[in-house]
N, C-alpha and C. Protein backbone atom coordinates (compact mmCIF):
# COMPACT_ATOMS: atom_id res chain seq x y z
N UNK A 1 0.85 -1.18 0.00
CA UNK A 1 0.00 0.00 0.00
C UNK A 1 0.90 1.24 0.00
N UNK A 2 0.67 2.19 -0.91
CA UNK A 2 1.51 3.38 -0.98
C UNK A 2 1.32 4.27 0.25
N UNK A 3 2.41 4.92 0.66
CA UNK A 3 2.36 5.83 1.79
C UNK A 3 1.62 7.11 1.42
N UNK A 4 0.83 7.60 2.35
CA UNK A 4 0.17 8.87 2.16
C UNK A 4 1.20 9.99 2.31
N UNK A 5 1.03 11.08 1.58
CA UNK A 5 1.96 12.20 1.77
C UNK A 5 1.90 12.72 3.20
N UNK A 6 2.99 13.28 3.64
CA UNK A 6 3.06 13.82 4.99
C UNK A 6 2.55 15.26 4.95
N UNK A 7 1.47 15.55 5.69
CA UNK A 7 0.85 16.88 5.63
C UNK A 7 1.55 17.89 6.53
N UNK A 8 2.84 18.05 6.33
CA UNK A 8 3.64 18.96 7.14
C UNK A 8 4.43 19.84 6.19
N UNK A 9 4.52 21.11 6.49
CA UNK A 9 5.28 22.01 5.63
C UNK A 9 6.08 22.98 6.49
N UNK A 10 7.11 23.60 5.92
CA UNK A 10 7.86 24.59 6.67
C UNK A 10 6.93 25.65 7.27
N UNK A 11 7.23 26.01 8.49
CA UNK A 11 6.39 26.96 9.22
C UNK A 11 5.54 26.31 10.28
N UNK A 12 5.25 25.00 10.14
CA UNK A 12 4.52 24.28 11.18
C UNK A 12 5.34 24.38 12.46
N UNK A 13 4.69 24.70 13.58
CA UNK A 13 5.45 24.93 14.81
C UNK A 13 4.64 24.62 16.05
N UNK A 14 5.33 24.53 17.17
CA UNK A 14 4.69 24.36 18.48
C UNK A 14 5.68 24.81 19.55
N UNK A 15 5.14 25.02 20.75
CA UNK A 15 5.95 25.42 21.89
C UNK A 15 5.68 24.51 23.08
N UNK A 16 6.67 24.37 23.91
CA UNK A 16 6.56 23.67 25.19
C UNK A 16 7.17 24.59 26.24
N UNK A 17 6.46 24.80 27.35
CA UNK A 17 6.95 25.64 28.43
C UNK A 17 7.05 24.82 29.71
N UNK A 18 8.12 25.02 30.45
CA UNK A 18 8.31 24.29 31.70
C UNK A 18 8.99 25.19 32.73
N UNK A 19 8.52 25.09 33.96
CA UNK A 19 9.21 25.71 35.08
C UNK A 19 10.21 24.69 35.62
N UNK A 20 11.45 25.09 35.71
CA UNK A 20 12.52 24.18 36.11
C UNK A 20 12.33 23.77 37.57
N UNK A 21 12.37 22.46 37.81
CA UNK A 21 12.29 21.91 39.16
C UNK A 21 13.62 21.23 39.50
N UNK A 22 13.76 20.80 40.73
CA UNK A 22 14.98 20.09 41.14
C UNK A 22 15.21 18.84 40.30
N UNK A 23 14.14 18.21 39.83
CA UNK A 23 14.26 17.01 39.00
C UNK A 23 14.83 17.30 37.61
N UNK A 24 14.81 18.56 37.19
CA UNK A 24 15.30 18.95 35.86
C UNK A 24 16.77 19.36 35.85
N UNK A 25 17.38 19.42 37.02
CA UNK A 25 18.73 19.97 37.11
C UNK A 25 19.80 19.01 36.60
N UNK A 26 20.94 19.59 36.27
CA UNK A 26 22.09 18.79 35.84
C UNK A 26 22.45 17.77 36.92
N UNK A 27 22.39 18.19 38.18
CA UNK A 27 22.70 17.27 39.28
C UNK A 27 21.74 16.09 39.31
N UNK A 28 20.46 16.34 39.06
CA UNK A 28 19.46 15.27 39.12
C UNK A 28 19.53 14.33 37.93
N UNK A 29 19.84 14.85 36.75
CA UNK A 29 19.83 13.99 35.55
C UNK A 29 21.20 13.41 35.23
N UNK A 30 22.20 13.75 36.04
CA UNK A 30 23.51 13.13 35.88
C UNK A 30 24.42 13.76 34.85
N UNK A 31 24.12 14.99 34.45
CA UNK A 31 24.97 15.64 33.44
C UNK A 31 25.89 16.69 34.04
N UNK A 32 25.95 16.73 35.35
CA UNK A 32 26.79 17.70 36.05
C UNK A 32 26.41 17.70 37.52
N UNK A 33 26.91 18.68 38.25
CA UNK A 33 26.61 18.72 39.68
C UNK A 33 25.99 20.04 40.13
N UNK A 34 25.52 20.83 39.17
CA UNK A 34 24.91 22.11 39.52
C UNK A 34 23.39 22.03 39.51
N UNK A 35 22.78 22.88 40.31
CA UNK A 35 21.32 22.94 40.41
C UNK A 35 20.75 23.93 39.40
N UNK A 36 21.04 23.68 38.12
CA UNK A 36 20.49 24.47 37.01
C UNK A 36 19.96 23.48 35.97
N UNK A 37 19.15 23.98 35.05
CA UNK A 37 18.57 23.12 34.02
C UNK A 37 19.66 22.31 33.33
N UNK A 38 19.50 20.99 33.34
CA UNK A 38 20.47 20.11 32.70
C UNK A 38 20.25 20.05 31.19
N UNK A 39 21.34 19.91 30.47
CA UNK A 39 21.24 19.83 29.01
C UNK A 39 20.37 18.66 28.54
N UNK A 40 20.43 17.47 29.18
CA UNK A 40 19.53 16.40 28.73
C UNK A 40 18.05 16.79 28.86
N UNK A 41 17.72 17.55 29.90
CA UNK A 41 16.33 17.98 30.07
C UNK A 41 15.96 19.02 29.02
N UNK A 42 16.88 19.92 28.70
CA UNK A 42 16.63 20.89 27.63
C UNK A 42 16.38 20.16 26.32
N UNK A 43 17.18 19.15 26.04
CA UNK A 43 16.98 18.36 24.82
C UNK A 43 15.62 17.68 24.84
N UNK A 44 15.23 17.11 25.97
CA UNK A 44 13.93 16.46 26.07
C UNK A 44 12.80 17.45 25.80
N UNK A 45 12.92 18.67 26.30
CA UNK A 45 11.91 19.69 26.04
C UNK A 45 11.87 20.05 24.56
N UNK A 46 13.04 20.15 23.94
CA UNK A 46 13.10 20.46 22.51
C UNK A 46 12.44 19.36 21.70
N UNK A 47 12.73 18.10 22.04
CA UNK A 47 12.10 16.99 21.33
C UNK A 47 10.59 16.99 21.55
N UNK A 48 10.16 17.30 22.77
CA UNK A 48 8.73 17.37 23.06
C UNK A 48 8.05 18.43 22.20
N UNK A 49 8.72 19.54 21.97
CA UNK A 49 8.15 20.58 21.11
C UNK A 49 8.02 20.10 19.67
N UNK A 50 8.99 19.31 19.19
CA UNK A 50 8.88 18.79 17.82
C UNK A 50 7.73 17.80 17.71
N UNK A 51 7.57 16.98 18.73
CA UNK A 51 6.47 16.01 18.73
C UNK A 51 5.13 16.76 18.77
N UNK A 52 5.04 17.79 19.59
CA UNK A 52 3.81 18.57 19.67
C UNK A 52 3.48 19.23 18.33
N UNK A 53 4.50 19.68 17.61
CA UNK A 53 4.27 20.32 16.30
C UNK A 53 3.63 19.35 15.31
N UNK A 54 3.90 18.06 15.46
CA UNK A 54 3.35 17.06 14.54
C UNK A 54 2.08 16.41 15.07
N UNK A 55 1.70 16.75 16.30
CA UNK A 55 0.54 16.14 16.94
C UNK A 55 -0.71 16.27 16.07
N UNK A 56 -1.32 15.12 15.78
CA UNK A 56 -2.56 15.10 15.01
C UNK A 56 -2.38 15.18 13.50
N UNK A 57 -1.16 15.32 13.02
CA UNK A 57 -0.94 15.48 11.58
C UNK A 57 -0.59 14.19 10.86
N UNK A 58 -0.11 13.19 11.57
CA UNK A 58 0.41 11.99 10.92
C UNK A 58 -0.58 10.84 10.83
N UNK A 59 -1.69 10.93 11.55
CA UNK A 59 -2.67 9.85 11.55
C UNK A 59 -2.31 8.78 12.57
N UNK A 60 -3.24 7.86 12.82
CA UNK A 60 -3.04 6.88 13.89
C UNK A 60 -2.00 5.81 13.59
N UNK A 61 -1.69 5.56 12.33
CA UNK A 61 -0.76 4.48 11.97
C UNK A 61 0.68 4.93 11.86
N UNK A 62 0.92 6.24 11.93
CA UNK A 62 2.29 6.74 11.78
C UNK A 62 2.69 7.56 12.99
N UNK A 63 3.98 7.63 13.19
CA UNK A 63 4.57 8.47 14.22
C UNK A 63 5.90 8.97 13.69
N UNK A 64 6.62 9.72 14.50
CA UNK A 64 7.94 10.16 14.07
C UNK A 64 8.95 9.78 15.14
N UNK A 65 10.18 9.54 14.69
CA UNK A 65 11.26 9.20 15.61
C UNK A 65 12.42 10.16 15.36
N UNK A 66 13.09 10.52 16.43
CA UNK A 66 14.24 11.39 16.30
C UNK A 66 15.43 10.64 15.73
N UNK A 67 16.15 11.28 14.80
CA UNK A 67 17.30 10.63 14.18
C UNK A 67 18.58 11.46 14.28
N UNK A 68 18.45 12.76 14.51
CA UNK A 68 19.64 13.61 14.57
C UNK A 68 19.35 14.84 15.43
N UNK A 69 20.35 15.22 16.23
CA UNK A 69 20.21 16.39 17.09
C UNK A 69 21.51 17.19 17.08
N UNK A 70 21.38 18.50 16.98
CA UNK A 70 22.50 19.42 17.21
C UNK A 70 21.94 20.50 18.13
N UNK A 71 22.48 20.61 19.34
CA UNK A 71 21.91 21.52 20.33
C UNK A 71 23.02 22.25 21.07
N UNK A 72 22.90 23.57 21.14
CA UNK A 72 23.80 24.39 21.95
C UNK A 72 23.05 24.84 23.19
N UNK A 73 23.60 24.57 24.35
CA UNK A 73 23.01 25.04 25.61
C UNK A 73 23.82 26.26 26.02
N UNK A 74 23.22 27.44 25.91
CA UNK A 74 23.96 28.70 25.97
C UNK A 74 23.86 29.45 27.29
N UNK A 75 22.81 29.20 28.06
CA UNK A 75 22.56 30.00 29.26
C UNK A 75 21.96 29.13 30.35
N UNK A 76 22.47 29.24 31.57
CA UNK A 76 21.94 28.47 32.69
C UNK A 76 20.58 29.02 33.12
N UNK A 77 19.70 28.09 33.52
CA UNK A 77 18.38 28.47 34.03
C UNK A 77 18.24 27.85 35.42
N UNK A 78 17.98 28.66 36.45
CA UNK A 78 17.90 28.13 37.81
C UNK A 78 16.57 27.43 38.08
N UNK A 79 16.55 26.68 39.17
CA UNK A 79 15.29 26.10 39.64
C UNK A 79 14.31 27.24 39.88
N UNK A 80 13.09 27.08 39.40
CA UNK A 80 12.07 28.12 39.50
C UNK A 80 11.98 28.98 38.25
N UNK A 81 13.01 28.94 37.42
CA UNK A 81 12.98 29.68 36.16
C UNK A 81 12.11 28.97 35.13
N UNK A 82 11.64 29.71 34.17
CA UNK A 82 10.78 29.16 33.12
C UNK A 82 11.52 29.14 31.80
N UNK A 83 11.35 28.03 31.08
CA UNK A 83 11.94 27.88 29.76
C UNK A 83 10.83 27.55 28.77
N UNK A 84 10.81 28.26 27.64
CA UNK A 84 9.89 27.96 26.55
C UNK A 84 10.71 27.56 25.34
N UNK A 85 10.40 26.39 24.80
CA UNK A 85 11.09 25.90 23.61
C UNK A 85 10.12 25.94 22.44
N UNK A 86 10.54 26.58 21.36
CA UNK A 86 9.75 26.64 20.13
C UNK A 86 10.45 25.78 19.09
N UNK A 87 9.69 24.90 18.47
CA UNK A 87 10.19 24.06 17.38
C UNK A 87 9.42 24.43 16.12
N UNK A 88 10.14 24.72 15.05
CA UNK A 88 9.51 25.09 13.79
C UNK A 88 10.10 24.25 12.65
N UNK A 89 9.21 23.69 11.85
CA UNK A 89 9.66 22.92 10.68
C UNK A 89 10.34 23.87 9.71
N UNK A 90 11.56 23.50 9.31
CA UNK A 90 12.29 24.33 8.35
C UNK A 90 12.56 23.59 7.04
N UNK A 91 12.34 22.26 7.03
CA UNK A 91 12.67 21.48 5.84
C UNK A 91 11.90 20.17 5.89
N UNK A 92 11.32 19.79 4.77
CA UNK A 92 10.64 18.50 4.64
C UNK A 92 11.10 17.86 3.34
N UNK A 93 11.49 16.58 3.43
CA UNK A 93 11.88 15.82 2.24
C UNK A 93 11.40 14.39 2.41
N UNK A 94 10.29 14.07 1.77
CA UNK A 94 9.72 12.74 1.96
C UNK A 94 9.31 12.54 3.40
N UNK A 95 9.89 11.53 4.05
CA UNK A 95 9.56 11.23 5.45
C UNK A 95 10.41 12.02 6.44
N UNK A 96 11.41 12.73 5.96
CA UNK A 96 12.33 13.47 6.82
C UNK A 96 11.78 14.87 7.12
N UNK A 97 11.80 15.23 8.40
CA UNK A 97 11.33 16.55 8.83
C UNK A 97 12.41 17.17 9.71
N UNK A 98 12.88 18.35 9.34
CA UNK A 98 13.92 19.03 10.11
C UNK A 98 13.31 20.25 10.80
N UNK A 99 13.63 20.39 12.08
CA UNK A 99 13.13 21.48 12.91
C UNK A 99 14.27 22.38 13.37
N UNK A 100 14.02 23.67 13.42
CA UNK A 100 14.86 24.60 14.17
C UNK A 100 14.23 24.73 15.54
N UNK A 101 15.04 24.65 16.59
CA UNK A 101 14.53 24.79 17.95
C UNK A 101 15.25 25.93 18.65
N UNK A 102 14.47 26.72 19.39
CA UNK A 102 15.03 27.82 20.17
C UNK A 102 14.36 27.79 21.54
N UNK A 103 15.19 27.82 22.58
CA UNK A 103 14.68 27.87 23.96
C UNK A 103 14.98 29.24 24.53
N UNK A 104 13.98 29.82 25.18
CA UNK A 104 14.14 31.14 25.81
C UNK A 104 13.67 31.08 27.25
N UNK A 105 14.28 31.92 28.09
CA UNK A 105 13.80 32.04 29.46
C UNK A 105 12.71 33.10 29.53
N UNK A 106 12.22 33.38 30.74
CA UNK A 106 11.12 34.33 30.89
C UNK A 106 11.49 35.73 30.44
N UNK A 107 12.79 36.06 30.45
CA UNK A 107 13.25 37.38 30.00
C UNK A 107 13.54 37.39 28.49
N UNK A 108 13.18 36.31 27.81
CA UNK A 108 13.36 36.15 26.35
C UNK A 108 14.83 36.07 25.94
N UNK A 109 15.68 35.67 26.89
CA UNK A 109 17.08 35.40 26.56
C UNK A 109 17.17 33.99 25.99
N UNK A 110 18.02 33.81 25.01
CA UNK A 110 18.16 32.49 24.38
C UNK A 110 18.95 31.57 25.31
N UNK A 111 18.29 30.52 25.75
CA UNK A 111 18.87 29.52 26.63
C UNK A 111 19.59 28.45 25.80
N UNK A 112 19.01 28.12 24.66
CA UNK A 112 19.59 27.10 23.80
C UNK A 112 19.00 27.20 22.41
N UNK A 113 19.71 26.61 21.46
CA UNK A 113 19.21 26.60 20.08
C UNK A 113 19.83 25.44 19.34
N UNK A 114 19.16 25.02 18.29
CA UNK A 114 19.71 23.92 17.51
C UNK A 114 18.76 23.43 16.46
N UNK A 115 18.98 22.17 16.10
CA UNK A 115 18.22 21.55 15.02
C UNK A 115 17.95 20.10 15.39
N UNK A 116 16.74 19.65 15.13
CA UNK A 116 16.35 18.27 15.38
C UNK A 116 15.72 17.72 14.10
N UNK A 117 16.16 16.52 13.72
CA UNK A 117 15.59 15.84 12.56
C UNK A 117 14.79 14.65 13.04
N UNK A 118 13.59 14.52 12.49
CA UNK A 118 12.72 13.39 12.78
C UNK A 118 12.35 12.73 11.46
N UNK A 119 12.06 11.43 11.52
CA UNK A 119 11.63 10.68 10.36
C UNK A 119 10.29 10.05 10.68
N UNK A 120 9.35 10.16 9.75
CA UNK A 120 8.02 9.57 9.91
C UNK A 120 8.11 8.08 9.60
N UNK A 121 7.54 7.27 10.51
CA UNK A 121 7.57 5.81 10.35
C UNK A 121 6.18 5.23 10.56
N UNK A 122 5.97 4.05 10.00
CA UNK A 122 4.78 3.26 10.28
C UNK A 122 4.99 2.62 11.66
N UNK A 123 4.05 2.83 12.57
CA UNK A 123 4.21 2.35 13.94
C UNK A 123 4.49 0.85 14.02
N UNK A 124 3.62 0.06 13.38
CA UNK A 124 3.73 -1.40 13.48
C UNK A 124 5.03 -1.90 12.87
N UNK A 125 5.38 -1.40 11.69
CA UNK A 125 6.62 -1.85 11.04
C UNK A 125 7.84 -1.47 11.87
N UNK A 126 7.82 -0.28 12.44
CA UNK A 126 8.95 0.15 13.26
C UNK A 126 9.11 -0.76 14.47
N UNK A 127 8.01 -1.00 15.18
CA UNK A 127 8.09 -1.83 16.39
C UNK A 127 8.44 -3.27 16.07
N UNK A 128 8.03 -3.76 14.90
CA UNK A 128 8.36 -5.13 14.51
C UNK A 128 9.86 -5.32 14.31
N UNK A 129 10.57 -4.24 14.05
CA UNK A 129 12.02 -4.31 13.82
C UNK A 129 12.85 -4.11 15.08
N UNK A 130 12.20 -3.81 16.18
CA UNK A 130 12.92 -3.62 17.44
C UNK A 130 13.34 -4.99 17.96
N UNK A 131 14.64 -5.20 18.19
CA UNK A 131 15.08 -6.51 18.66
C UNK A 131 14.57 -6.79 20.07
N UNK A 132 14.33 -8.07 20.35
CA UNK A 132 13.86 -8.41 21.70
C UNK A 132 14.98 -8.19 22.72
N UNK A 133 14.59 -8.03 23.95
CA UNK A 133 15.55 -7.88 25.04
C UNK A 133 16.25 -9.21 25.25
N UNK A 134 17.59 -9.20 25.32
CA UNK A 134 18.31 -10.48 25.52
C UNK A 134 18.07 -11.07 26.89
């Protein structure tokens, strides 16, 4: 059965906002020992924004998976600070979707920026290829 076209185009976007908690810190996620937003958590927020941008567009049989990330973490955010990550589609080629991501704090300072690539997959076929746990 032929794949349906992906109804996503450059400009499609979404945001995710989070208030930093102790669980989000570098010390808590194991990426350092400071009580500031950890880079792995910033990446997770950026990926969540890309997923939100595609929410409802791919249909029930398809999803997207992350395949490439380039992220600069530029500014520390303390516990209690707010971070908003915006993900915007900048390129689509077949099943490949590339996003520009920008994270800002409440003062609109850039906390991080980068690019995330996702690929649209058939859910069942993707899961069928996952090797069993040894």
